[in-house]
């Protein structure tokens, strides 16, 4: 998800992309296993003042996704009717 995050230090708006954490898969075929990956914010710091963003604070500020606005979801629901 990409949105504008307001820096708590200088109030500059920075466009950030949030990538949620991925849990490790440690069972089944060894070829299908992978390590856990932490949540990430890109960029990780304010472009104006250089303050490193707190990942949890950025995720909390992320807007709720409005699934009604997603065209592909509406088309999928029509096909189910």
Protein backbone atom coordinates (compact mmCIF):
# COMPACT_ATOMS: atom_id res chain seq x y z
CA UNK A 1 0.00 0.00 0.00
CA UNK A 2 1.30 3.44 -0.90
CA UNK A 3 0.17 6.65 0.80
CA UNK A 4 1.51 9.96 2.13
CA UNK A 5 2.88 9.89 5.68
CA UNK A 6 3.39 13.10 7.67
CA UNK A 7 6.80 13.22 9.36
CA UNK A 8 6.38 13.68 13.14
CA UNK A 9 9.56 15.81 13.26
CA UNK A 10 9.21 18.33 10.41
CA UNK A 11 5.60 17.70 9.20
CA UNK A 12 6.76 17.04 5.63
CA UNK A 13 4.59 14.66 3.66
CA UNK A 14 6.53 11.69 2.30
CA UNK A 15 5.12 9.12 -0.06
CA UNK A 16 5.74 5.73 1.59
CA UNK A 17 5.10 2.16 0.54
CA UNK A 18 4.26 -0.34 3.30
CA UNK A 19 5.10 -3.99 2.86
CA UNK A 20 3.56 -6.24 5.54
CA UNK A 21 5.56 -8.86 7.39
CA UNK A 22 5.67 -12.37 5.93
CA UNK A 23 5.60 -15.31 8.31
CA UNK A 24 8.17 -18.07 7.82
CA UNK A 25 7.12 -21.34 6.28
CA UNK A 26 9.02 -24.13 8.01
CA UNK A 27 7.00 -27.21 7.15
CA UNK A 28 6.27 -29.34 4.11
CA UNK A 29 8.55 -29.73 1.11
CA UNK A 30 11.92 -28.08 1.84
CA UNK A 31 11.79 -26.40 -1.59
CA UNK A 32 8.62 -24.52 -0.48
CA UNK A 33 10.07 -23.25 2.83
CA UNK A 34 11.29 -19.69 3.37
CA UNK A 35 12.40 -17.46 6.28
CA UNK A 36 10.26 -14.78 7.92
CA UNK A 37 10.53 -11.24 6.57
CA UNK A 38 9.85 -8.19 8.76
CA UNK A 39 7.43 -5.42 7.83
CA UNK A 40 9.08 -2.71 5.77
CA UNK A 41 8.49 0.94 4.97
CA UNK A 42 10.06 2.44 1.84
CA UNK A 43 11.59 4.99 2.14
CA UNK A 44 12.51 4.33 5.77
CA UNK A 45 13.36 7.97 6.55
CA UNK A 46 11.95 11.43 5.92
CA UNK A 47 13.24 12.98 2.69
CA UNK A 48 13.33 16.47 4.28
CA UNK A 49 14.91 16.00 7.73
CA UNK A 50 16.28 12.43 7.60
CA UNK A 51 14.30 11.15 10.62
CA UNK A 52 13.96 7.36 10.48
CA UNK A 53 10.30 6.38 10.53
CA UNK A 54 8.94 4.05 13.21
CA UNK A 55 7.52 1.14 11.17
CA UNK A 56 4.65 0.54 13.62
CA UNK A 57 3.63 4.22 13.58
CA UNK A 58 3.59 4.28 9.78
CA UNK A 59 1.44 1.13 9.60
CA UNK A 60 -0.97 2.60 12.18
CA UNK A 61 -1.30 5.76 10.06
CA UNK A 62 -2.07 3.77 6.91
CA UNK A 63 -5.62 4.34 5.67
CA UNK A 64 -8.04 1.44 5.70
CA UNK A 65 -8.38 -0.07 2.25
CA UNK A 66 -11.79 0.55 0.71
CA UNK A 67 -12.61 -2.66 -1.09
CA UNK A 68 -15.77 -1.13 -2.58
CA UNK A 69 -13.57 1.15 -4.68
CA UNK A 70 -11.63 -1.75 -6.20
CA UNK A 71 -13.04 -2.47 -9.66
CA UNK A 72 -11.68 -6.01 -9.84
CA UNK A 73 -13.44 -6.92 -6.57
CA UNK A 74 -16.77 -5.57 -7.91
CA UNK A 75 -16.38 -7.55 -11.14
CA UNK A 76 -15.58 -10.69 -9.14
CA UNK A 77 -18.68 -10.23 -6.97
CA UNK A 78 -20.87 -9.77 -10.08
CA UNK A 79 -19.60 -13.07 -11.47
CA UNK A 80 -20.55 -14.81 -8.21
CA UNK A 81 -24.17 -13.60 -8.40
